[in-house]
Amino acid sequence: MSHKKAFTLVELLVVIGIIATLIAILLPALNKAREAAKSVQCLSNLRQIGLSIQSYSAQNKGKLPPLFQRWGNYPLNPVLDGGGQGYTMFGLLLKTTGITMPVFHCPSDDRPYPLNDASFYMPSPAEYGDWGTTLYLFDYMVPVIGFANPGRRLPWSVPDDAAFVSNRGMLDAARVKQPADKMLVWDGYMAFFTISLGAYQLQGFDPTPGSSSYANYYWTMFRHNGGRAIGPNTLFADGHASMIDLRGMMKNPQEDWFTIPN
């Protein structure tokens, strides 16, 4: 009569230890692979936004979409959608080009905010102070850098009544030269990232957590790297998308990344 040998307690503990060690080794790799997949999805979203911009331009005689229909602290305009608030550029794309709402959600952003129709409007004057911190959160944003530089203009159409922008009006897409170097949309926390005079002002911006210029919501610009200030994923004017090292680029920022000669 044969007897099956049972595991001793020591042997069982050894097996459990081996399994725990394997999990500890494999889990970081699995998490890294999961995050890499999310970043790939984010880059796909940005490319679709680029195609949507091209579609808008094709529908509007080669003109680029306006950044917004009405700036947030301007009075409501009753002829605009959203009770007079008007759309952001992303809202215009959603409304006119067939792009779907889920494209504007990055899977790496775990902020608990709803993405719905209201997300694509400009804030009202009463909401303007909370824009981007508690209201109108958004996963992608336009780097509006150098908007007050009189010798340059943004690579977008800009409403004529946006008096704080130096050079306004509709813009032909053909005027945007070296499109492979022109940054149009970043990972973000709201629809716009604004710096008035030019790219050189980025030299004073330190996105490292704990720095004097770091705000709690900036981390989402670098969400694909655990907040290590590498990134963001970026859409360029020629339609390609890739991750950039913004912190490294800030050491010698170029106006041509964000604006064109007027």
Protein backbone atom coordinates (compact mmCIF):
# COMPACT_ATOMS: atom_id res chain seq x y z
CA MET A 1 0.00 0.00 0.00
CA SER A 2 1.53 3.32 -1.17
CA HIS A 3 1.30 6.62 0.63
CA LYS A 4 1.41 10.01 -1.11
CA LYS A 5 3.92 12.33 0.48
CA ALA A 6 2.33 15.61 1.65
CA PHE A 7 4.07 18.97 1.62
CA THR A 8 5.72 19.82 4.85
CA LEU A 9 5.19 23.27 6.31
CA VAL A 10 8.73 24.27 5.37
CA GLU A 11 8.26 23.17 1.77
CA LEU A 12 4.95 25.04 1.56
CA LEU A 13 6.56 28.20 2.88
CA VAL A 14 9.38 27.85 0.33
CA VAL A 15 6.87 27.57 -2.53
CA ILE A 16 4.93 30.60 -1.24
CA GLY A 17 8.21 32.54 -0.99
CA ILE A 18 9.15 31.65 -4.57
CA ILE A 19 5.72 32.77 -5.84
CA ALA A 20 5.96 36.03 -3.90
CA THR A 21 9.42 36.69 -5.33
CA LEU A 22 8.20 36.06 -8.88
CA ILE A 23 5.29 38.44 -8.35
CA ALA A 24 7.64 41.11 -7.00
CA ILE A 25 9.86 40.70 -10.08
CA LEU A 26 7.07 40.60 -12.65
CA LEU A 27 4.65 43.19 -11.26
CA PRO A 28 6.76 46.29 -12.10
CA ALA A 29 7.25 44.98 -15.63
CA LEU A 30 3.52 44.36 -15.99
CA ASN A 31 2.72 47.84 -14.69
CA LYS A 32 5.27 49.34 -17.07
CA ALA A 33 3.76 47.43 -20.00
CA ARG A 34 0.27 48.56 -18.98
CA GLU A 35 1.37 52.20 -18.82
CA ALA A 36 3.14 51.89 -22.17
CA ALA A 37 -0.11 50.67 -23.71
CA LYS A 38 -1.94 53.67 -22.24
CA SER A 39 0.66 56.04 -23.68
CA VAL A 40 0.24 54.42 -27.11
CA GLN A 41 -3.52 54.97 -26.86
CA CYS A 42 -2.92 58.59 -25.88
CA LEU A 43 -0.67 59.13 -28.91
CA SER A 44 -3.38 57.59 -31.09
CA ASN A 45 -5.87 60.07 -29.61
CA LEU A 46 -3.58 62.95 -30.49
CA ARG A 47 -3.18 61.73 -34.07
CA GLN A 48 -6.96 61.55 -34.41
CA ILE A 49 -7.19 65.11 -33.11
CA GLY A 50 -4.65 66.05 -35.80
CA LEU A 51 -6.81 64.42 -38.48
CA SER A 52 -9.80 66.28 -37.10
CA ILE A 53 -7.93 69.60 -37.40
CA GLN A 54 -7.11 68.76 -41.02
CA SER A 55 -10.77 67.89 -41.63
CA TYR A 56 -11.89 71.23 -40.19
CA SER A 57 -9.41 73.04 -42.42
CA ALA A 58 -10.63 71.17 -45.50
CA GLN A 59 -14.22 72.15 -44.68
CA ASN A 60 -13.30 75.82 -44.17
CA LYS A 61 -11.27 76.77 -47.27
CA GLY A 62 -7.93 75.86 -45.74
CA LYS A 63 -8.40 77.87 -42.56
CA LEU A 64 -7.27 76.52 -39.21
CA PRO A 65 -9.85 76.29 -36.44
CA PRO A 66 -10.12 79.20 -34.00
CA LEU A 67 -8.70 78.54 -30.56
CA PHE A 68 -12.03 79.52 -29.00
CA GLN A 69 -15.22 81.28 -29.89
CA ARG A 70 -15.21 83.53 -26.81
CA TRP A 71 -12.57 83.96 -24.12
CA GLY A 72 -13.59 82.83 -20.65
CA ASN A 73 -13.80 86.18 -18.85
CA TYR A 74 -15.52 87.95 -21.75
CA PRO A 75 -19.29 88.57 -21.55
CA LEU A 76 -21.54 85.77 -22.75
CA ASN A 77 -22.51 86.02 -26.41
CA PRO A 78 -26.13 84.96 -27.00
CA VAL A 79 -25.43 83.82 -30.56
CA LEU A 80 -22.99 81.13 -29.35
CA ASP A 81 -23.76 77.62 -28.18
CA GLY A 82 -23.75 76.70 -24.51
CA GLY A 83 -25.93 79.58 -23.42
CA GLY A 84 -23.50 82.07 -24.92
CA GLN A 85 -20.28 80.46 -23.60
CA GLY A 86 -19.07 79.23 -26.99
CA TYR A 87 -16.81 76.30 -27.79
CA THR A 88 -13.13 75.72 -27.27
CA MET A 89 -11.20 74.60 -30.34
CA PHE A 90 -11.78 71.02 -29.19
CA GLY A 91 -15.51 71.68 -29.01
CA LEU A 92 -15.53 72.98 -32.58
CA LEU A 93 -13.77 69.81 -33.72
CA LEU A 94 -16.30 67.66 -31.84
CA LYS A 95 -19.21 69.60 -33.31
CA THR A 96 -18.10 69.76 -36.95
CA THR A 97 -15.65 66.99 -37.92
CA GLY A 98 -17.12 63.71 -36.70
CA ILE A 99 -14.47 63.02 -34.08
CA THR A 100 -15.95 61.20 -31.10
CA MET A 101 -15.86 62.31 -27.47
CA PRO A 102 -13.83 59.34 -26.10
CA VAL A 103 -10.85 60.45 -28.23
CA PHE A 104 -10.44 63.38 -25.82
CA HIS A 105 -9.91 61.10 -22.82
CA CYS A 106 -6.42 59.85 -22.02
CA PRO A 107 -6.47 56.47 -20.21
CA SER A 108 -3.56 57.55 -17.98
CA ASP A 109 -5.48 60.45 -16.45
CA ASP A 110 -7.25 59.18 -13.35
CA ARG A 111 -8.67 62.53 -12.21
CA PRO A 112 -12.32 61.97 -11.20
CA TYR A 113 -13.98 64.44 -13.55
CA PRO A 114 -16.77 63.84 -16.06
CA LEU A 115 -16.08 64.21 -19.78
CA ASN A 116 -19.35 65.40 -21.29
CA ASP A 117 -20.76 68.04 -23.60
CA ALA A 118 -20.10 70.80 -21.05
CA SER A 119 -16.37 69.96 -21.10
CA PHE A 120 -16.07 71.47 -24.57
CA TYR A 121 -17.41 74.93 -23.74
CA MET A 122 -15.49 77.96 -22.57
CA PRO A 123 -16.21 78.92 -18.95
CA SER A 124 -18.60 81.71 -18.12
CA PRO A 125 -17.18 84.89 -16.52
CA ALA A 126 -18.39 83.65 -13.12
CA GLU A 127 -16.53 80.35 -13.58
CA TYR A 128 -13.34 81.81 -15.02
CA GLY A 129 -11.40 81.86 -11.74
CA ASP A 130 -11.85 78.10 -11.24
CA TRP A 131 -11.09 77.17 -14.85
CA GLY A 132 -8.61 74.31 -14.96
CA THR A 133 -8.47 73.74 -11.21
CA THR A 134 -11.97 72.49 -10.37
CA LEU A 135 -13.99 73.33 -13.51
CA TYR A 136 -13.63 72.46 -17.21
CA LEU A 137 -10.86 69.95 -16.67
CA PHE A 138 -9.60 68.43 -19.90
CA ASP A 139 -6.98 65.86 -20.90
CA TYR A 140 -5.43 67.76 -23.82
CA MET A 141 -4.46 71.39 -24.14
CA VAL A 142 -3.11 73.88 -26.66
CA PRO A 143 0.21 75.53 -25.69
CA VAL A 144 -0.81 79.15 -26.30
CA ILE A 145 2.72 80.49 -25.90
CA GLY A 146 3.69 83.94 -27.20
CA PHE A 147 0.15 85.20 -27.79
CA ALA A 148 1.10 88.79 -26.88
CA ASN A 149 4.28 88.92 -29.00
CA PRO A 150 3.55 91.54 -31.70
CA GLY A 151 6.06 90.06 -34.13
CA ARG A 152 4.64 86.54 -33.98
CA ARG A 153 1.28 84.89 -34.23
CA LEU A 154 -0.22 81.67 -32.96
CA PRO A 155 -0.58 78.82 -35.50
CA TRP A 156 -4.36 78.99 -35.13
CA SER A 157 -7.21 81.22 -36.13
CA VAL A 158 -8.07 83.71 -33.37
CA PRO A 159 -11.35 85.67 -33.00
CA ASP A 160 -11.03 89.34 -33.91
CA ASP A 161 -12.41 90.46 -30.55
CA ALA A 162 -9.69 88.65 -28.54
CA ALA A 163 -7.93 91.91 -27.77
CA PHE A 164 -5.29 90.34 -25.52
CA VAL A 165 -3.86 88.40 -28.50
CA SER A 166 -1.50 90.52 -30.61
CA ASN A 167 -2.31 89.09 -34.04
CA ARG A 168 -5.80 87.82 -34.77
CA GLY A 169 -8.05 86.68 -37.59
CA MET A 170 -8.43 83.50 -39.62
CA LEU A 171 -5.19 81.74 -40.54
CA ASP A 172 -4.44 79.64 -43.62
CA ALA A 173 -2.91 76.28 -42.74
CA ALA A 174 -0.41 76.81 -45.55
CA ARG A 175 1.21 79.63 -43.55
CA VAL A 176 2.44 77.18 -40.92
CA LYS A 177 5.95 76.35 -42.11
CA GLN A 178 8.10 73.51 -40.73
CA PRO A 179 4.97 71.76 -39.40
CA ALA A 180 6.96 68.78 -38.11
CA ASP A 181 8.45 71.09 -35.45
CA LYS A 182 5.31 73.06 -34.53
CA MET A 183 3.63 71.88 -31.31
CA LEU A 184 -0.16 72.13 -31.45
CA VAL A 185 -1.56 70.03 -28.58
CA TRP A 186 -0.05 68.58 -25.38
CA ASP A 187 -1.12 66.28 -22.60
CA GLY A 188 -2.78 68.70 -20.23
CA TYR A 189 -5.11 69.53 -17.38
CA MET A 190 -7.34 72.09 -19.16
CA ALA A 191 -7.90 73.26 -22.74
CA PHE A 192 -5.14 75.91 -22.83
CA PHE A 193 -1.67 76.53 -21.40
CA THR A 194 -0.95 80.26 -21.73
CA ILE A 195 2.30 82.23 -21.67
CA SER A 196 2.09 85.78 -22.95
CA LEU A 197 5.33 87.01 -24.48
CA GLY A 198 7.18 83.99 -25.79
CA ALA A 199 8.83 80.62 -25.39
CA TYR A 200 11.75 82.13 -23.49
CA GLN A 201 9.43 82.46 -20.50
CA LEU A 202 9.42 78.66 -20.25
CA GLN A 203 12.93 78.93 -18.81
CA GLY A 204 11.39 80.07 -15.54
CA PHE A 205 8.92 77.19 -15.37
CA ASP A 206 10.04 74.14 -13.39
CA PRO A 207 7.57 71.24 -13.63
CA THR A 208 9.38 69.19 -10.99
CA PRO A 209 7.08 68.33 -8.05
CA GLY A 210 7.93 70.51 -5.07
CA SER A 211 9.33 73.40 -7.11
CA SER A 212 8.08 76.96 -6.67
CA SER A 213 6.32 76.97 -10.05
CA TYR A 214 4.75 73.53 -9.67
CA ALA A 215 1.00 73.42 -9.13
CA ASN A 216 -0.82 70.28 -8.03
CA TYR A 217 -2.53 69.94 -11.38
CA TYR A 218 0.67 70.20 -13.49
CA TRP A 219 1.44 66.53 -12.88
CA THR A 220 -1.10 65.51 -15.50
CA MET A 221 1.10 67.06 -18.21
CA PHE A 222 3.62 64.33 -17.33
CA ARG A 223 1.19 61.55 -16.47
CA HIS A 224 2.89 58.88 -18.58
CA ASN A 225 6.06 58.93 -16.50
CA GLY A 226 4.85 58.92 -12.94
CA GLY A 227 5.15 62.69 -12.64
CA ARG A 228 8.90 62.66 -13.34
CA ALA A 229 8.58 65.69 -15.64
CA ILE A 230 9.35 63.71 -18.81
CA GLY A 231 6.81 64.36 -21.50
CA PRO A 232 4.19 65.38 -22.45
CA ASN A 233 2.82 63.46 -25.41
CA THR A 234 2.55 66.06 -28.16
CA LEU A 235 0.72 66.56 -31.47
CA PHE A 236 2.68 68.42 -34.15
CA ALA A 237 1.28 70.45 -37.04
CA ASP A 238 2.18 67.81 -39.63
CA GLY A 239 -0.08 65.32 -37.83
CA HIS A 240 2.53 63.14 -36.13
CA ALA A 241 2.53 62.66 -32.36
CA SER A 242 5.36 61.74 -30.02
CA MET A 243 6.55 62.21 -26.46
CA ILE A 244 8.87 65.15 -25.85
CA ASP A 245 11.22 65.99 -22.97
CA LEU A 246 9.81 69.39 -22.11
CA ARG A 247 12.06 69.91 -19.09
CA GLY A 248 15.15 69.38 -21.24
CA MET A 249 13.77 71.58 -24.01
CA MET A 250 13.10 74.42 -21.56
CA LYS A 251 16.85 75.05 -21.32
CA ASN A 252 16.79 76.52 -24.84
CA PRO A 253 13.17 77.07 -25.91
CA GLN A 254 12.47 78.15 -29.48
CA GLU A 255 9.70 80.51 -30.59
CA ASP A 256 9.23 78.45 -33.76
CA TRP A 257 7.95 75.56 -31.65
CA PHE A 258 4.79 77.50 -30.83
CA THR A 259 4.34 80.51 -33.13
CA ILE A 260 4.98 81.69 -36.68
CA PRO A 261 6.28 85.05 -37.93
CA ASN A 262 3.44 87.53 -38.29
